[in-house]
N, C-alpha and C. Protein backbone atom coordinates (compact mmCIF):
# COMPACT_ATOMS: atom_id res chain seq x y z
N MET A 1 -26.55 -1.92 7.18
CA MET A 1 -25.89 -0.76 7.98
C MET A 1 -25.67 -1.10 6.95
N SER A 2 -24.39 0.34 5.92
CA SER A 2 -22.73 -0.30 5.31
C SER A 2 -22.28 -0.08 6.40
N ASN A 3 -21.02 -0.24 5.67
CA ASN A 3 -19.48 -0.24 6.16
C ASN A 3 -18.38 0.17 5.81
N ILE A 4 -18.55 1.78 5.45
CA ILE A 4 -17.36 2.59 4.73
C ILE A 4 -16.47 2.88 5.12
N GLU A 5 -14.99 1.88 4.70
CA GLU A 5 -14.46 2.47 5.98
C GLU A 5 -13.38 3.57 5.02
N GLN A 6 -12.00 3.90 5.74
CA GLN A 6 -10.52 4.75 5.08
C GLN A 6 -9.52 3.00 5.33
N THR A 7 -9.09 3.54 4.26
CA THR A 7 -7.86 2.61 4.76
C THR A 7 -6.30 2.87 3.55
N LEU A 8 -5.16 2.39 4.18
CA LEU A 8 -3.98 3.26 3.55
C LEU A 8 -3.68 2.53 2.75
N SER A 9 -2.86 3.10 1.01
CA SER A 9 -2.63 2.46 0.19
C SER A 9 -1.77 2.77 -0.44
N ILE A 10 -0.27 2.39 -0.01
CA ILE A 10 0.78 2.76 -0.94
C ILE A 10 1.35 2.32 -1.98
N ILE A 11 1.02 2.81 -3.16
CA ILE A 11 2.56 2.75 -4.43
C ILE A 11 3.97 2.51 -4.15
N LYS A 12 4.35 1.45 -3.94
CA LYS A 12 6.08 1.65 -3.88
C LYS A 12 6.87 1.87 -4.72
N PRO A 13 8.53 2.42 -4.57
CA PRO A 13 8.83 2.53 -5.51
C PRO A 13 9.42 2.02 -6.26
N ASP A 14 9.51 0.23 -6.97
CA ASP A 14 9.60 -0.21 -8.01
C ASP A 14 8.16 -0.17 -8.57
N ALA A 15 6.74 0.15 -7.89
CA ALA A 15 5.47 0.57 -9.06
C ALA A 15 5.24 1.91 -9.70
N VAL A 16 5.60 3.13 -9.00
CA VAL A 16 5.69 4.29 -8.75
C VAL A 16 7.18 5.23 -10.21
N ASP A 17 8.11 4.10 -9.92
CA ASP A 17 9.42 4.24 -10.91
C ASP A 17 8.97 3.48 -12.34
N ARG A 18 8.30 3.03 -12.44
CA ARG A 18 7.53 2.58 -13.61
C ARG A 18 6.08 3.15 -14.50
N ASN A 19 6.05 3.53 -14.23
CA ASN A 19 5.07 4.79 -14.30
C ASN A 19 3.51 4.06 -13.63
N LEU A 20 3.62 3.58 -12.59
CA LEU A 20 2.11 2.47 -12.70
C LEU A 20 0.88 2.59 -12.07
N SER A 21 1.49 3.87 -11.23
CA SER A 21 0.47 4.41 -9.98
C SER A 21 -0.98 4.93 -10.71
N ASP A 22 -0.64 5.63 -12.30
CA ASP A 22 -3.04 5.44 -13.11
C ASP A 22 -3.44 4.74 -12.45
N GLU A 23 -2.61 3.51 -13.44
CA GLU A 23 -3.46 2.51 -13.74
C GLU A 23 -3.63 1.21 -12.51
N ILE A 24 -2.73 1.70 -11.20
CA ILE A 24 -3.11 0.82 -10.43
C ILE A 24 -4.26 1.40 -9.39
N LYS A 25 -4.18 3.33 -9.82
CA LYS A 25 -6.00 3.48 -9.43
C LYS A 25 -6.74 3.53 -9.85
N LYS A 26 -6.66 3.48 -10.74
CA LYS A 26 -7.97 2.83 -11.99
C LYS A 26 -8.71 1.67 -11.37
N ILE A 27 -7.80 0.62 -10.64
CA ILE A 27 -7.95 -0.50 -10.21
C ILE A 27 -8.83 -0.42 -9.37
N PHE A 28 -8.25 1.23 -7.91
CA PHE A 28 -9.56 0.81 -7.23
C PHE A 28 -9.90 1.89 -7.32
N GLU A 29 -10.36 2.69 -8.81
CA GLU A 29 -11.92 2.78 -8.33
C GLU A 29 -12.46 1.71 -9.33
N LYS A 30 -11.71 1.33 -10.28
CA LYS A 30 -12.68 0.34 -10.83
C LYS A 30 -14.05 -0.53 -9.95
N ASN A 31 -13.04 -1.11 -8.77
CA ASN A 31 -13.41 -1.18 -7.82
C ASN A 31 -13.81 -1.23 -6.27
N ASP A 32 -14.89 0.18 -6.96
CA ASP A 32 -15.64 0.44 -5.66
C ASP A 32 -15.05 1.63 -4.77
N LEU A 33 -13.42 1.70 -5.55
CA LEU A 33 -12.16 2.03 -3.78
C LEU A 33 -12.78 3.75 -4.20
N ILE A 34 -12.67 4.49 -3.33
CA ILE A 34 -12.60 5.62 -4.01
C ILE A 34 -10.98 6.22 -3.28
N VAL A 35 -10.96 7.46 -4.17
CA VAL A 35 -9.21 7.53 -3.76
C VAL A 35 -9.57 9.51 -3.11
N LYS A 36 -9.37 9.30 -1.95
CA LYS A 36 -9.98 10.44 -1.17
C LYS A 36 -8.51 11.20 -1.17
N GLU A 37 -7.58 11.02 -0.49
CA GLU A 37 -6.72 11.76 -1.02
C GLU A 37 -5.26 10.83 -1.26
N SER A 38 -4.96 11.58 -2.51
CA SER A 38 -3.64 11.34 -2.87
C SER A 38 -1.86 12.67 -2.86
N LYS A 39 -0.77 11.37 -2.64
CA LYS A 39 0.29 11.83 -2.67
C LYS A 39 1.42 11.27 -3.13
N LYS A 40 2.14 11.99 -3.64
CA LYS A 40 3.22 11.55 -3.67
C LYS A 40 4.88 12.14 -2.63
N ILE A 41 4.92 11.47 -2.70
CA ILE A 41 6.16 11.80 -1.61
C ILE A 41 8.16 10.68 -1.41
N HIS A 42 8.33 11.59 -1.04
CA HIS A 42 10.06 10.28 -0.58
C HIS A 42 10.33 11.03 0.09
N ILE A 43 9.70 9.12 1.41
CA ILE A 43 10.38 9.58 2.85
C ILE A 43 11.64 9.05 2.68
N THR A 44 12.10 9.61 4.15
CA THR A 44 13.60 8.58 5.05
C THR A 44 13.36 7.54 5.63
N LYS A 45 14.74 7.20 5.21
CA LYS A 45 14.94 5.16 5.86
C LYS A 45 14.63 5.13 7.65
N GLU A 46 14.35 6.02 8.28
CA GLU A 46 14.03 6.81 9.04
C GLU A 46 12.94 6.62 9.36
N GLU A 47 11.63 7.68 8.75
CA GLU A 47 10.67 7.80 8.91
C GLU A 47 9.63 5.47 7.61
N ALA A 48 10.70 4.78 7.19
CA ALA A 48 10.25 4.46 7.01
C ALA A 48 10.46 3.00 8.00
N SER A 49 11.33 3.49 8.80
CA SER A 49 11.70 2.67 10.36
C SER A 49 10.14 2.75 11.03
N GLU A 50 10.26 3.91 11.71
CA GLU A 50 8.52 3.87 12.06
C GLU A 50 7.81 3.31 11.50
N PHE A 51 7.44 4.25 10.68
CA PHE A 51 6.07 3.25 9.47
C PHE A 51 6.44 1.62 10.65
N TYR A 52 7.19 1.15 9.50
CA TYR A 52 6.78 -0.40 9.37
C TYR A 52 7.58 -0.77 10.87
N LYS A 53 8.00 -0.63 12.25
CA LYS A 53 7.97 -0.87 13.94
C LYS A 53 7.29 -1.94 14.84
N VAL A 54 6.14 -1.91 13.30
CA VAL A 54 5.47 -3.74 13.96
C VAL A 54 6.41 -4.72 13.52
N HIS A 55 7.54 -4.04 12.49
CA HIS A 55 7.34 -5.34 12.03
C HIS A 55 9.16 -5.19 12.27
N GLN A 56 9.32 -4.75 13.49
CA GLN A 56 11.56 -4.96 13.67
C GLN A 56 11.53 -5.94 14.08
N SER A 57 10.97 -6.78 14.59
CA SER A 57 11.65 -8.10 15.20
C SER A 57 11.94 -9.03 13.56
N LYS A 58 11.37 -8.55 12.68
CA LYS A 58 11.36 -9.30 11.36
C LYS A 58 13.38 -9.51 11.09
N PRO A 59 13.48 -10.99 10.27
CA PRO A 59 14.69 -10.51 9.63
C PRO A 59 14.55 -9.55 7.97
N PHE A 60 13.55 -9.50 7.52
CA PHE A 60 13.43 -9.25 6.62
C PHE A 60 12.86 -7.06 6.61
N TYR A 61 13.39 -6.69 7.69
CA TYR A 61 12.57 -5.33 8.60
C TYR A 61 14.01 -4.29 7.80
N ASN A 62 15.50 -4.54 8.24
CA ASN A 62 15.60 -3.23 7.36
C ASN A 62 15.79 -2.98 6.05
N ASP A 63 15.80 -4.28 5.03
CA ASP A 63 15.49 -4.21 3.43
C ASP A 63 14.04 -3.56 3.56
N LEU A 64 12.97 -4.08 4.37
CA LEU A 64 11.70 -3.13 3.64
C LEU A 64 11.41 -1.61 3.78
N CYS A 65 12.28 -1.37 5.05
CA CYS A 65 12.80 0.20 5.60
C CYS A 65 13.89 0.67 4.17
N ALA A 66 14.99 -0.37 4.01
CA ALA A 66 15.43 0.40 3.09
C ALA A 66 14.88 0.91 1.48
N TYR A 67 14.16 0.19 1.11
CA TYR A 67 13.40 -0.41 0.15
C TYR A 67 12.40 0.66 -0.08
N LEU A 68 11.36 0.67 1.44
CA LEU A 68 10.79 1.89 0.97
C LEU A 68 10.97 3.22 1.00
N SER A 69 12.60 3.28 1.37
CA SER A 69 12.63 5.12 1.54
C SER A 69 13.78 5.23 0.02
N SER A 70 13.64 3.67 -1.01
CA SER A 70 14.65 4.14 -2.00
C SER A 70 13.81 5.18 -2.98
N GLY A 71 13.22 5.58 -2.69
CA GLY A 71 12.24 6.15 -3.93
C GLY A 71 10.78 7.14 -3.63
N PRO A 72 10.17 7.52 -4.73
CA PRO A 72 9.23 8.51 -4.99
C PRO A 72 8.18 6.69 -3.78
N ILE A 73 7.40 7.55 -3.47
CA ILE A 73 5.79 6.16 -3.60
C ILE A 73 4.53 7.41 -3.34
N VAL A 74 3.41 6.75 -3.64
CA VAL A 74 2.74 7.37 -3.64
C VAL A 74 2.07 7.18 -2.32
N VAL A 75 1.41 7.51 -1.21
CA VAL A 75 0.10 6.89 -0.50
C VAL A 75 -0.82 7.70 -0.77
N MET A 76 -2.43 7.05 -0.05
CA MET A 76 -3.38 7.29 -0.71
C MET A 76 -3.99 6.59 0.46
N ILE A 77 -5.19 7.72 0.69
CA ILE A 77 -7.01 7.29 1.39
C ILE A 77 -7.49 7.03 0.29
N LEU A 78 -7.89 5.34 0.75
CA LEU A 78 -9.15 5.16 -0.28
C LEU A 78 -10.33 4.99 0.54
N GLU A 79 -11.63 4.59 0.13
CA GLU A 79 -12.42 4.65 0.90
C GLU A 79 -13.36 3.90 0.46
N GLY A 80 -14.44 3.16 0.91
CA GLY A 80 -15.77 2.39 0.05
C GLY A 80 -15.98 1.59 1.14
N LYS A 81 -16.42 0.96 0.93
CA LYS A 81 -17.45 -0.56 1.76
C LYS A 81 -15.91 -1.99 1.55
N ASN A 82 -16.36 -1.72 3.04
CA ASN A 82 -15.57 -2.67 3.46
C ASN A 82 -13.48 -2.46 2.50
N ALA A 83 -13.19 -0.92 2.88
CA ALA A 83 -12.17 -1.00 2.08
C ALA A 83 -11.39 -1.77 2.93
N VAL A 84 -11.21 -2.12 4.14
CA VAL A 84 -9.83 -2.45 4.45
C VAL A 84 -9.14 -4.52 3.45
N LEU A 85 -10.51 -5.04 3.77
CA LEU A 85 -10.77 -6.43 3.09
C LEU A 85 -10.76 -5.70 1.28
N ALA A 86 -11.47 -5.31 0.99
CA ALA A 86 -12.10 -4.78 -0.27
C ALA A 86 -10.41 -4.79 -1.25
N ASN A 87 -9.05 -3.69 -0.59
CA ASN A 87 -8.08 -3.30 -0.72
C ASN A 87 -7.29 -4.31 -0.92
N ARG A 88 -7.55 -5.20 0.08
CA ARG A 88 -6.54 -6.69 0.61
C ARG A 88 -6.75 -7.83 -0.35
N LYS A 89 -7.54 -7.49 -0.96
CA LYS A 89 -8.69 -8.34 -2.14
C LYS A 89 -7.56 -8.57 -3.26
N LEU A 90 -7.99 -6.74 -4.04
CA LEU A 90 -6.82 -6.44 -5.06
C LEU A 90 -5.73 -6.52 -5.63
N MET A 91 -5.42 -5.93 -3.66
CA MET A 91 -3.41 -6.18 -3.44
C MET A 91 -3.04 -7.99 -4.12
N GLY A 92 -3.76 -8.84 -3.57
CA GLY A 92 -3.50 -10.27 -4.03
C GLY A 92 -2.23 -10.06 -2.75
N ALA A 93 -1.66 -12.07 -3.09
CA ALA A 93 -0.99 -12.39 -1.99
C ALA A 93 0.49 -11.80 -1.57
N THR A 94 1.21 -11.35 -1.08
CA THR A 94 2.62 -10.43 -0.81
C THR A 94 3.43 -11.07 -2.34
N ASN A 95 3.61 -12.03 -2.09
CA ASN A 95 4.72 -12.58 -2.90
C ASN A 95 3.47 -12.89 -4.45
N PRO A 96 4.37 -12.56 -5.62
CA PRO A 96 3.17 -11.95 -6.56
C PRO A 96 3.11 -13.04 -7.59
N LYS A 97 4.18 -14.02 -7.14
CA LYS A 97 3.70 -15.77 -7.62
C LYS A 97 2.40 -16.54 -7.80
N GLU A 98 2.86 -16.18 -6.28
CA GLU A 98 1.34 -16.75 -5.47
C GLU A 98 -0.59 -16.14 -6.15
N ALA A 99 -0.36 -14.80 -5.34
CA ALA A 99 -1.10 -13.99 -5.85
C ALA A 99 -2.12 -14.64 -7.61
N GLU A 100 -3.68 -14.10 -7.00
CA GLU A 100 -4.46 -14.43 -7.44
C GLU A 100 -3.56 -13.48 -9.05
N GLU A 101 -4.67 -14.51 -10.15
CA GLU A 101 -4.62 -13.68 -11.37
C GLU A 101 -5.78 -12.38 -11.07
N ASN A 102 -5.00 -11.51 -11.91
CA ASN A 102 -5.87 -9.75 -11.95
C ASN A 102 -5.77 -9.40 -11.10
N THR A 103 -5.16 -9.82 -9.21
CA THR A 103 -4.54 -8.84 -9.09
C THR A 103 -3.51 -7.98 -8.59
N ILE A 104 -3.82 -7.13 -8.41
CA ILE A 104 -2.31 -5.53 -8.29
C ILE A 104 -0.91 -6.46 -8.33
N ARG A 105 -0.98 -7.20 -7.74
CA ARG A 105 0.98 -7.65 -7.36
C ARG A 105 1.08 -8.63 -8.81
N ARG A 106 0.25 -9.12 -8.73
CA ARG A 106 -0.16 -10.85 -9.59
C ARG A 106 0.54 -9.82 -10.94
N LEU A 107 -0.33 -8.42 -11.04
CA LEU A 107 -0.37 -8.01 -12.15
C LEU A 107 1.52 -6.68 -12.29
N TYR A 108 1.13 -6.37 -11.50
CA TYR A 108 2.78 -5.19 -11.57
C TYR A 108 4.09 -5.64 -10.26
N GLY A 109 4.39 -6.94 -9.90
CA GLY A 109 4.77 -7.11 -8.96
C GLY A 109 5.67 -8.23 -8.91
N ILE A 110 7.35 -7.44 -8.37
CA ILE A 110 8.67 -8.14 -9.23
C ILE A 110 8.65 -9.04 -8.09
N SER A 111 8.89 -9.14 -7.06
CA SER A 111 9.25 -10.12 -5.88
C SER A 111 8.38 -10.02 -4.65
N ILE A 112 8.96 -10.81 -4.06
CA ILE A 112 7.97 -10.90 -2.57
C ILE A 112 8.14 -9.05 -1.83
N ASP A 113 9.87 -8.68 -2.01
CA ASP A 113 9.60 -7.21 -1.95
C ASP A 113 9.59 -6.25 -2.84
N LYS A 114 9.73 -6.34 -3.43
CA LYS A 114 8.81 -4.93 -3.94
C LYS A 114 7.67 -5.68 -5.56
N ASN A 115 6.72 -5.80 -4.30
CA ASN A 115 5.46 -6.28 -4.43
C ASN A 115 4.49 -5.53 -4.90
N SER A 116 4.92 -3.67 -5.33
CA SER A 116 4.19 -2.63 -6.06
C SER A 116 3.01 -1.98 -4.95
N VAL A 117 3.29 -2.41 -3.63
CA VAL A 117 1.65 -1.96 -3.65
C VAL A 117 1.66 -2.39 -1.11
N HIS A 118 1.35 -1.47 -1.14
CA HIS A 118 0.99 -1.80 0.42
C HIS A 118 -0.59 -1.55 1.05
N GLY A 119 -1.40 -2.52 1.67
CA GLY A 119 -2.48 -2.52 1.99
C GLY A 119 -2.02 -2.36 3.67
N SER A 120 -3.65 -1.33 4.38
CA SER A 120 -3.59 -1.60 6.25
C SER A 120 -3.41 -2.98 6.19
N ASP A 121 -3.13 -3.54 6.83
CA ASP A 121 -4.21 -5.23 7.34
C ASP A 121 -5.30 -5.19 8.74
N SER A 122 -5.87 -3.69 8.96
CA SER A 122 -7.24 -4.08 9.79
C SER A 122 -7.14 -2.64 10.05
N VAL A 123 -8.80 -2.11 10.52
CA VAL A 123 -9.26 -0.58 10.69
C VAL A 123 -8.35 -0.67 11.46
N GLU A 124 -8.34 -0.50 12.61
CA GLU A 124 -6.79 -0.60 13.71
C GLU A 124 -5.92 0.48 12.46
N ASN A 125 -4.90 -0.30 12.56
CA ASN A 125 -3.71 -0.21 11.83
C ASN A 125 -4.30 0.97 10.26
N ALA A 126 -5.11 0.54 9.57
CA ALA A 126 -5.40 2.14 8.70
C ALA A 126 -5.40 3.04 9.19
N LYS A 127 -5.72 3.22 10.15
CA LYS A 127 -6.21 4.81 11.12
C LYS A 127 -5.08 5.43 11.54
N LYS A 128 -3.46 4.16 12.08
CA LYS A 128 -2.97 4.75 12.48
C LYS A 128 -1.54 4.98 11.41
N GLU A 129 -1.83 3.91 10.03
CA GLU A 129 -0.70 4.61 9.25
C GLU A 129 -1.68 5.44 8.01
N ILE A 130 -3.11 5.92 8.23
CA ILE A 130 -3.67 7.47 7.84
C ILE A 130 -3.04 8.67 8.60
N ASP A 131 -3.09 8.49 9.40
CA ASP A 131 -2.77 9.36 10.58
C ASP A 131 -0.79 10.12 10.02
N PHE A 132 -0.10 8.58 9.72
CA PHE A 132 1.53 8.33 9.78
C PHE A 132 1.81 9.68 8.22
N PHE A 133 1.41 9.22 7.37
CA PHE A 133 1.05 10.31 6.63
C PHE A 133 0.59 11.36 6.29
N PHE A 134 -1.11 11.71 7.00
CA PHE A 134 -1.51 12.89 6.52
C PHE A 134 -2.16 13.28 6.77
N ASN A 135 -1.89 13.16 8.64
CA ASN A 135 -1.76 14.58 9.88
C ASN A 135 -1.26 14.37 10.81
N ASN A 136 0.06 14.80 10.19
CA ASN A 136 1.17 14.95 10.93
C ASN A 136 1.48 15.90 10.96
């Protein structure tokens, strides 16, 4: 049985600012992830705070929210076989310096904070995150 899933991907402000959206989408498509929906938006700090609520007890929470709301982002629904895991492999480690060769964060990430992309970490969170951006 094939395990077709959907996951959320965000191209963060640093990558949008450097016009990398098309390059990043091509990486997903070359790796059998279909971009089902995509839109460029600019969220408020309040919306970012709601989105990243799961991290609210962590020291980087405020910076994360300020950063995600600092400029336009591209939110996408990716679909494919084991999409959550496939996307996480393509993104690479949070810290671009530790990410494997040819992962998105290794190729385009600037720092731990400005690491170009976000992806859901589980099927459950993917559903919540997709609903956050596409079903409200």
